[in-house]
C-alpha atoms as a PDB file:
ATOM      1  CA  MET A   1     101.186 110.128  40.398  1.00  0.00           C
ATOM      2  CA  ASP A   2     102.579 107.293  38.431  1.00  0.00           C
ATOM      3  CA  ILE A   3     102.776 105.782  34.596  1.00  0.00           C
ATOM      4  CA  PRO A   4     101.120 103.087  33.096  1.00  0.00           C
ATOM      5  CA  ARG A   5     101.367  99.494  35.496  1.00  0.00           C
ATOM      6  CA  ILE A   6     101.870  97.808  33.141  1.00  0.00           C
ATOM      7  CA  PHE A   7     104.998  99.520  32.369  1.00  0.00           C
ATOM      8  CA  ASN A   8     106.447  99.017  36.447  1.00  0.00           C
ATOM      9  CA  ILE A   9     105.597  95.475  35.570  1.00  0.00           C
ATOM     10  CA  THR A  10     107.297  94.990  32.301  1.00  0.00           C
ATOM     11  CA  GLU A  11     109.943  97.021  32.936  1.00  0.00           C
ATOM     12  CA  SER A  12     110.887  96.222  36.621  1.00  0.00           C
ATOM     13  CA  ALA A  13     114.331  94.760  35.985  1.00  0.00           C
ATOM     14  CA  HIS A  14     114.730  97.462  33.528  1.00  0.00           C
ATOM     15  CA  ARG A  15     118.189  99.796  34.564  1.00  0.00           C
ATOM     16  CA  ILE A  16     117.911 101.450  31.517  1.00  0.00           C
ATOM     17  CA  HIS A  17     114.471 101.652  29.253  1.00  0.00           C
ATOM     18  CA  ASN A  18     115.575 102.499  26.142  1.00  0.00           C
ATOM     19  CA  PRO A  19     117.228 100.574  23.020  1.00  0.00           C
ATOM     20  CA  PHE A  20     120.721 102.165  24.850  1.00  0.00           C
ATOM     21  CA  THR A  21     123.136  99.651  26.343  1.00  0.00           C
ATOM     22  CA  PRO A  22     125.769 100.807  29.019  1.00  0.00           C
ATOM     23  CA  GLU A  23     127.949 101.127  26.673  1.00  0.00           C
ATOM     24  CA  LYS A  24     126.545 103.325  24.881  1.00  0.00           C
ATOM     25  CA  PHE A  25     125.745 105.627  27.429  1.00  0.00           C
ATOM     26  CA  ALA A  26     129.590 105.352  28.343  1.00  0.00           C
ATOM     27  CA  THR A  27     129.942 106.387  24.679  1.00  0.00           C
ATOM     28  CA  LEU A  28     127.780 109.359  24.755  1.00  0.00           C
ATOM     29  CA  GLY A  29     129.090 110.728  27.883  1.00  0.00           C
ATOM     30  CA  ALA A  30     132.953 110.298  26.408  1.00  0.00           C
ATOM     31  CA  ALA A  31     131.484 112.365  23.641  1.00  0.00           C
ATOM     32  CA  LEU A  32     129.920 114.718  24.998  1.00  0.00           C
ATOM     33  CA  ARG A  33     133.192 115.503  26.747  1.00  0.00           C
ATOM     34  CA  LEU A  34     131.886 115.551  30.107  1.00  0.00           C
ATOM     35  CA  GLN A  35     134.262 117.522  32.954  1.00  0.00           C
ATOM     36  CA  SER A  36     133.853 116.970  36.411  1.00  0.00           C
ATOM     37  CA  GLY A  37     131.621 119.240  37.991  1.00  0.00           C
ATOM     38  CA  ALA A  38     128.942 119.825  35.643  1.00  0.00           C
ATOM     39  CA  ARG A  39     125.804 119.667  36.074  1.00  0.00           C
ATOM     40  CA  VAL A  40     122.918 117.203  34.122  1.00  0.00           C
ATOM     41  CA  LEU A  41     118.869 117.275  34.282  1.00  0.00           C
ATOM     42  CA  ASP A  42     117.643 114.817  33.018  1.00  0.00           C
ATOM     43  CA  LEU A  43     113.717 114.542  32.815  1.00  0.00           C
ATOM     44  CA  GLY A  44     112.298 111.092  32.312  1.00  0.00           C
ATOM     45  CA  SER A  45     115.318 109.461  33.491  1.00  0.00           C
ATOM     46  CA  GLY A  46     113.798 106.199  34.462  1.00  0.00           C
ATOM     47  CA  SER A  47     115.920 104.273  36.567  1.00  0.00           C
ATOM     48  CA  GLY A  48     118.441 106.552  36.942  1.00  0.00           C
ATOM     49  CA  GLU A  49     121.071 104.606  35.224  1.00  0.00           C
ATOM     50  CA  MET A  50     122.644 107.874  32.773  1.00  0.00           C
ATOM     51  CA  LEU A  51     123.207 110.449  35.382  1.00  0.00           C
ATOM     52  CA  CYS A  52     124.069 107.539  38.243  1.00  0.00           C
ATOM     53  CA  THR A  53     127.145 106.117  35.797  1.00  0.00           C
ATOM     54  CA  TRP A  54     127.840 109.861  34.625  1.00  0.00           C
ATOM     55  CA  ALA A  55     128.829 110.587  38.035  1.00  0.00           C
ATOM     56  CA  ARG A  56     130.628 108.244  38.915  1.00  0.00           C
ATOM     57  CA  ASP A  57     132.670 108.057  35.726  1.00  0.00           C
ATOM     58  CA  HIS A  58     132.693 112.092  34.631  1.00  0.00           C
ATOM     59  CA  GLY A  59     132.701 113.547  38.137  1.00  0.00           C
ATOM     60  CA  ILE A  60     129.265 115.581  37.019  1.00  0.00           C
ATOM     61  CA  THR A  61     126.668 116.223  39.384  1.00  0.00           C
ATOM     62  CA  GLY A  62     122.735 115.955  38.718  1.00  0.00           C
ATOM     63  CA  THR A  63     118.741 115.557  38.744  1.00  0.00           C
ATOM     64  CA  GLY A  64     116.819 113.147  37.806  1.00  0.00           C
ATOM     65  CA  VAL A  65     112.399 113.438  36.936  1.00  0.00           C
ATOM     66  CA  ASP A  66     110.392 110.746  36.427  1.00  0.00           C
ATOM     67  CA  MET A  67     106.516 109.726  36.993  1.00  0.00           C
ATOM     68  CA  SER A  68     107.345 106.427  37.444  1.00  0.00           C
ATOM     69  CA  ARG A  69     107.665 105.914  41.396  1.00  0.00           C
ATOM     70  CA  LEU A  70     108.604 102.559  41.218  1.00  0.00           C
ATOM     71  CA  PHE A  71     111.917 103.833  38.937  1.00  0.00           C
ATOM     72  CA  SER A  72     112.617 106.809  40.535  1.00  0.00           C
ATOM     73  CA  GLU A  73     113.293 104.451  44.192  1.00  0.00           C
ATOM     74  CA  GLN A  74     115.070 102.652  41.810  1.00  0.00           C
ATOM     75  CA  ALA A  75     117.361 105.330  40.804  1.00  0.00           C
ATOM     76  CA  LYS A  76     117.850 106.432  44.192  1.00  0.00           C
ATOM     77  CA  LEU A  77     119.403 102.547  45.329  1.00  0.00           C
ATOM     78  CA  ARG A  78     121.666 103.083  42.316  1.00  0.00           C
ATOM     79  CA  ALA A  79     122.706 105.999  43.477  1.00  0.00           C
ATOM     80  CA  GLN A  80     123.902 104.522  46.980  1.00  0.00           C
ATOM     81  CA  GLU A  81     125.421 101.373  45.151  1.00  0.00           C
ATOM     82  CA  LEU A  82     128.037 102.940  42.903  1.00  0.00           C
ATOM     83  CA  GLY A  83     128.311 105.743  45.630  1.00  0.00           C
ATOM     84  CA  VAL A  84     127.221 108.582  44.693  1.00  0.00           C
ATOM     85  CA  ALA A  85     124.061 109.916  46.492  1.00  0.00           C
ATOM     86  CA  ASP A  86     126.073 112.591  47.319  1.00  0.00           C
ATOM     87  CA  ARG A  87     126.427 113.533  43.488  1.00  0.00           C
ATOM     88  CA  VAL A  88     122.684 113.544  41.972  1.00  0.00           C
ATOM     89  CA  LYS A  89     118.980 113.361  43.183  1.00  0.00           C
ATOM     90  CA  PHE A  90     115.837 111.459  41.897  1.00  0.00           C
ATOM     91  CA  ILE A  91     112.495 113.335  42.160  1.00  0.00           C
ATOM     92  CA  HIS A  92     109.573 111.491  41.782  1.00  0.00           C
ATOM     93  CA  GLY A  93     107.442 113.626  39.760  1.00  0.00           C
ATOM     94  CA  ASP A  94     105.825 115.202  36.946  1.00  0.00           C
ATOM     95  CA  ALA A  95     108.695 115.898  34.522  1.00  0.00           C
ATOM     96  CA  ALA A  96     106.490 117.967  32.187  1.00  0.00           C
ATOM     97  CA  GLY A  97     107.007 121.608  32.777  1.00  0.00           C
ATOM     98  CA  TYR A  98     110.413 120.960  35.354  1.00  0.00           C
ATOM     99  CA  VAL A  99     112.568 124.125  35.071  1.00  0.00           C
ATOM    100  CA  SER A 100     115.622 123.815  37.150  1.00  0.00           C
ATOM    101  CA  ASP A 101     116.526 126.507  39.735  1.00  0.00           C
ATOM    102  CA  LYS A 102     119.936 126.463  38.927  1.00  0.00           C
ATOM    103  CA  LYS A 103     121.028 126.691  35.309  1.00  0.00           C
ATOM    104  CA  VAL A 104     122.721 123.436  34.260  1.00  0.00           C
ATOM    105  CA  ASP A 105     125.256 122.208  31.600  1.00  0.00           C
ATOM    106  CA  VAL A 106     123.351 119.333  30.092  1.00  0.00           C
ATOM    107  CA  ALA A 107     119.912 119.161  29.838  1.00  0.00           C
ATOM    108  CA  ALA A 108     118.457 116.128  28.806  1.00  0.00           C
ATOM    109  CA  CYS A 109     114.929 114.524  27.436  1.00  0.00           C
ATOM    110  CA  VAL A 110     116.519 111.080  26.254  1.00  0.00           C
ATOM    111  CA  GLY A 111     113.111 109.169  25.097  1.00  0.00           C
ATOM    112  CA  ALA A 112     110.295 110.357  26.724  1.00  0.00           C
ATOM    113  CA  THR A 113     109.760 113.779  24.451  1.00  0.00           C
ATOM    114  CA  TRP A 114     106.231 113.441  24.857  1.00  0.00           C
ATOM    115  CA  ILE A 115     106.699 115.581  28.377  1.00  0.00           C
ATOM    116  CA  GLY A 116     106.546 118.574  26.220  1.00  0.00           C
ATOM    117  CA  GLY A 117     104.010 117.651  23.461  1.00  0.00           C
ATOM    118  CA  GLY A 118     107.340 116.046  21.495  1.00  0.00           C
ATOM    119  CA  VAL A 119     110.240 117.492  19.803  1.00  0.00           C
ATOM    120  CA  ALA A 120     109.838 121.021  19.540  1.00  0.00           C
ATOM    121  CA  GLY A 121     108.273 121.337  22.615  1.00  0.00           C
ATOM    122  CA  THR A 122     110.733 119.869  24.302  1.00  0.00           C
ATOM    123  CA  ILE A 123     113.822 121.474  23.343  1.00  0.00           C
ATOM    124  CA  GLU A 124     111.843 124.365  24.192  1.00  0.00           C
ATOM    125  CA  LEU A 125     111.235 123.521  27.863  1.00  0.00           C
ATOM    126  CA  LEU A 126     115.083 121.773  28.058  1.00  0.00           C
ATOM    127  CA  ALA A 127     116.266 125.450  27.187  1.00  0.00           C
ATOM    128  CA  ARG A 128     114.458 126.836  30.040  1.00  0.00           C
ATOM    129  CA  SER A 129     117.399 125.235  32.610  1.00  0.00           C
ATOM    130  CA  LEU A 130     120.282 125.465  30.103  1.00  0.00           C
ATOM    131  CA  ARG A 131     123.120 127.342  30.994  1.00  0.00           C
ATOM    132  CA  PRO A 132     124.576 130.104  27.926  1.00  0.00           C
ATOM    133  CA  GLY A 133     126.741 127.458  25.999  1.00  0.00           C
ATOM    134  CA  GLY A 134     125.344 124.809  27.246  1.00  0.00           C
ATOM    135  CA  ILE A 135     123.533 121.237  25.846  1.00  0.00           C
ATOM    136  CA  ILE A 136     120.378 119.640  24.930  1.00  0.00           C
ATOM    137  CA  LEU A 137     119.966 115.653  24.629  1.00  0.00           C
ATOM    138  CA  ILE A 138     117.198 114.848  23.219  1.00  0.00           C
ATOM    139  CA  GLY A 139     116.632 110.569  22.720  1.00  0.00           C
ATOM    140  CA  GLU A 140     114.084 110.279  20.106  1.00  0.00           C
ATOM    141  CA  PRO A 141     113.058 107.372  17.411  1.00  0.00           C
ATOM    142  CA  TYR A 142     113.204 107.896  13.793  1.00  0.00           C
ATOM    143  CA  TRP A 143     112.492 104.879  10.413  1.00  0.00           C
ATOM    144  CA  ARG A 144     115.558 102.939  10.039  1.00  0.00           C
ATOM    145  CA  GLN A 145     113.754 102.299   6.862  1.00  0.00           C
ATOM    146  CA  LEU A 146     109.991 103.421   5.478  1.00  0.00           C
ATOM    147  CA  PRO A 147     107.205 100.800   6.830  1.00  0.00           C
ATOM    148  CA  PRO A 148     105.600 100.892   3.109  1.00  0.00           C
ATOM    149  CA  THR A 149     102.121 100.471   5.024  1.00  0.00           C
ATOM    150  CA  GLU A 150     100.314 102.863   7.349  1.00  0.00           C
ATOM    151  CA  ASP A 151      99.780  98.425   9.073  1.00  0.00           C
ATOM    152  CA  ILE A 152     103.764  98.336   9.852  1.00  0.00           C
ATOM    153  CA  ALA A 153     104.032 101.553  11.230  1.00  0.00           C
ATOM    154  CA  ARG A 154     101.174 100.250  13.881  1.00  0.00           C
ATOM    155  CA  GLY A 155     103.294  97.416  14.190  1.00  0.00           C
ATOM    156  CA  CYS A 156     106.348  99.632  14.997  1.00  0.00           C
ATOM    157  CA  LEU A 157     103.773 100.890  18.143  1.00  0.00           C
ATOM    158  CA  ALA A 158     103.271 104.100  16.127  1.00  0.00           C
ATOM    159  CA  LYS A 159     100.097 104.931  15.190  1.00  0.00           C
ATOM    160  CA  SER A 160     101.009 106.137  11.646  1.00  0.00           C
ATOM    161  CA  ILE A 161     104.060 106.446   9.418  1.00  0.00           C
ATOM    162  CA  SER A 162     104.371 110.581   9.895  1.00  0.00           C
ATOM    163  CA  ASP A 163     105.027 109.488  13.711  1.00  0.00           C
ATOM    164  CA  TYR A 164     108.698 109.860  12.759  1.00  0.00           C
ATOM    165  CA  LEU A 165     111.373 111.063  10.913  1.00  0.00           C
ATOM    166  CA  MET A 166     113.962 109.226   8.330  1.00  0.00           C
ATOM    167  CA  LEU A 167     117.594 110.180  10.348  1.00  0.00           C
ATOM    168  CA  PRO A 168     118.270 112.932   7.401  1.00  0.00           C
ATOM    169  CA  GLU A 169     115.228 114.568   8.388  1.00  0.00           C
ATOM    170  CA  LEU A 170     115.221 114.096  12.174  1.00  0.00           C
ATOM    171  CA  LEU A 171     118.311 115.677  11.650  1.00  0.00           C
ATOM    172  CA  ALA A 172     117.605 118.373   9.454  1.00  0.00           C
ATOM    173  CA  SER A 173     114.398 119.065  11.795  1.00  0.00           C
ATOM    174  CA  PHE A 174     116.309 119.953  14.815  1.00  0.00           C
ATOM    175  CA  GLY A 175     117.685 122.728  12.588  1.00  0.00           C
ATOM    176  CA  LEU A 176     114.516 124.642  11.525  1.00  0.00           C
ATOM    177  CA  LEU A 177     114.714 124.569  15.242  1.00  0.00           C
ATOM    178  CA  GLY A 178     117.500 126.857  15.256  1.00  0.00           C
ATOM    179  CA  TYR A 179     120.193 124.251  16.537  1.00  0.00           C
ATOM    180  CA  ASP A 180     123.153 122.438  15.630  1.00  0.00           C
ATOM    181  CA  VAL A 181     123.643 119.025  15.927  1.00  0.00           C
ATOM    182  CA  VAL A 182     127.510 118.116  17.588  1.00  0.00           C
ATOM    183  CA  GLU A 183     126.612 115.137  18.808  1.00  0.00           C
ATOM    184  CA  MET A 184     124.949 112.076  17.977  1.00  0.00           C
ATOM    185  CA  VAL A 185     124.934 108.690  19.597  1.00  0.00           C
ATOM    186  CA  LEU A 186     122.213 105.848  17.821  1.00  0.00           C
ATOM    187  CA  ALA A 187     121.442 102.352  18.899  1.00  0.00           C
ATOM    188  CA  ASP A 188     122.062  99.051  18.012  1.00  0.00           C
ATOM    189  CA  GLN A 189     119.658  96.322  17.096  1.00  0.00           C
ATOM    190  CA  ASP A 190     121.562  94.935  20.240  1.00  0.00           C
ATOM    191  CA  GLY A 191     120.439  96.979  21.681  1.00  0.00           C
ATOM    192  CA  TRP A 192     117.074  97.681  21.025  1.00  0.00           C
ATOM    193  CA  ASP A 193     117.069  93.363  21.504  1.00  0.00           C
ATOM    194  CA  ARG A 194     118.024  93.863  25.498  1.00  0.00           C
ATOM    195  CA  TYR A 195     115.513  96.625  26.222  1.00  0.00           C
ATOM    196  CA  GLU A 196     112.822  94.731  24.107  1.00  0.00           C
ATOM    197  CA  ALA A 197     113.138  90.776  24.977  1.00  0.00           C
ATOM    198  CA  ALA A 198     114.835  91.840  28.439  1.00  0.00           C
ATOM    199  CA  LYS A 199     110.230  92.206  29.160  1.00  0.00           C
ATOM    200  CA  TRP A 200     109.450  89.182  28.165  1.00  0.00           C
ATOM    201  CA  LEU A 201     111.329  86.481  31.220  1.00  0.00           C
ATOM    202  CA  THR A 202     109.887  89.897  33.320  1.00  0.00           C
ATOM    203  CA  MET A 203     106.723  89.416  32.257  1.00  0.00           C
ATOM    204  CA  ARG A 204     107.012  85.026  32.672  1.00  0.00           C
ATOM    205  CA  ARG A 205     107.960  85.787  36.032  1.00  0.00           C
ATOM    206  CA  TRP A 206     105.749  88.105  36.916  1.00  0.00           C
ATOM    207  CA  LEU A 207     102.495  85.840  36.191  1.00  0.00           C
ATOM    208  CA  ALA A 208     103.924  82.880  37.943  1.00  0.00           C
ATOM    209  CA  ALA A 209     103.704  85.362  41.266  1.00  0.00           C
ATOM    210  CA  ASN A 210     100.495  86.707  39.919  1.00  0.00           C
ATOM    211  CA  PRO A 211      98.219  84.881  38.116  1.00  0.00           C
ATOM    212  CA  ASP A 212      95.507  86.232  39.767  1.00  0.00           C
ATOM    213  CA  ASP A 213      96.450  90.226  39.608  1.00  0.00           C
ATOM    214  CA  GLU A 214      94.201  92.207  37.188  1.00  0.00           C
ATOM    215  CA  LEU A 215      97.151  92.541  34.537  1.00  0.00           C
ATOM    216  CA  ALA A 216      97.254  89.238  34.258  1.00  0.00           C
ATOM    217  CA  ASN A 217      95.308  88.499  31.129  1.00  0.00           C
ATOM    218  CA  GLU A 218      96.688  91.877  29.462  1.00  0.00           C
ATOM    219  CA  VAL A 219     100.524  90.751  30.883  1.00  0.00           C
ATOM    220  CA  ARG A 220      99.679  86.670  29.130  1.00  0.00           C
ATOM    221  CA  ALA A 221      98.623  88.564  25.186  1.00  0.00           C
ATOM    222  CA  GLN A 222     101.869  90.621  25.490  1.00  0.00           C
ATOM    223  CA  LEU A 223     103.920  87.991  26.511  1.00  0.00           C
ATOM    224  CA  THR A 224     102.295  85.926  23.627  1.00  0.00           C
ATOM    225  CA  SER A 225     102.572  88.337  21.057  1.00  0.00           C
ATOM    226  CA  GLU A 226     105.522  90.872  21.641  1.00  0.00           C
ATOM    227  CA  PRO A 227     108.548  88.274  20.699  1.00  0.00           C
ATOM    228  CA  GLY A 228     107.288  88.002  16.957  1.00  0.00           C
ATOM    229  CA  ARG A 229     105.693  90.686  16.548  1.00  0.00           C
ATOM    230  CA  TYR A 230     108.626  93.011  17.599  1.00  0.00           C
ATOM    231  CA  ALA A 231     110.733  90.809  15.394  1.00  0.00           C
ATOM    232  CA  ALA A 232     108.955  91.540  12.260  1.00  0.00           C
ATOM    233  CA  TYR A 233     108.528  95.422  12.624  1.00  0.00           C
ATOM    234  CA  THR A 234     110.622  97.502  15.592  1.00  0.00           C
ATOM    235  CA  ARG A 235     113.869  95.404  14.674  1.00  0.00           C
ATOM    236  CA  GLU A 236     113.937  95.797  11.176  1.00  0.00           C
ATOM    237  CA  PHE A 237     111.900  99.711  10.647  1.00  0.00           C
ATOM    238  CA  LEU A 238     112.777 101.183  13.582  1.00  0.00           C
ATOM    239  CA  GLY A 239     115.784 103.637  14.839  1.00  0.00           C
ATOM    240  CA  TRP A 240     116.752 105.383  18.237  1.00  0.00           C
ATOM    241  CA  GLY A 241     119.186 107.939  19.403  1.00  0.00           C
ATOM    242  CA  VAL A 242     120.432 110.211  21.445  1.00  0.00           C
ATOM    243  CA  PHE A 243     121.494 113.673  19.616  1.00  0.00           C
ATOM    244  CA  ALA A 244     123.387 116.344  21.305  1.00  0.00           C
ATOM    245  CA  LEU A 245     121.996 120.318  20.274  1.00  0.00           C
ATOM    246  CA  MET A 246     123.538 123.672  20.848  1.00  0.00           C
ATOM    247  CA  PRO A 247     121.365 127.318  20.067  1.00  0.00           C
ATOM    248  CA  ARG A 248     122.613 128.985  16.501  1.00  0.00           C
END
């Protein structure tokens, strides 16, 4: 079980696999008023930065589940590095359908809502692990400005304009699902730069070390095209945020 190898290559040097920065995760942890001993479940936990830093800074305990074998191992190493390996654990596995055996204070899916077939299904999945009065976290893209054409939407790596909502509509959609939005922290363009541009150096160095790999041509094509595509489309049109929800 693993994610497509191309993502393990392009994001192998990332600690955070979305447009958040360490400062944004710190802001989110403070905004949630996390208490020592709070239990957090993170589905699609990547390299574990959110759980590990919150365990260090707020004393939470947590479990992360991710399909990437590489990212799961990196998360365990990060927990050891920060001295929180006794507070957080990371499971290499399929987060789709994962339900905690103990109810948690915070149930999160920060940028992997495909595990539930979209936002609504992922919220429903997370709710199965949530204690009464707990908080669900959803990380999701939205349109900063509505693309004028479907070609521009595809330039943002969306299938169509309808894939994402504008921010007011996204917030309203949570209410239609029966949830109050109680906090949000939004990525900025600097965060997008750090997520996207950091891939380019990783790809360049990977190509130098693996010129004959079966994916070398694909990585070369991405390295050639991605800076221009990102600057023209994603950076201008696509936003991203983490939204804190509580059931009504």
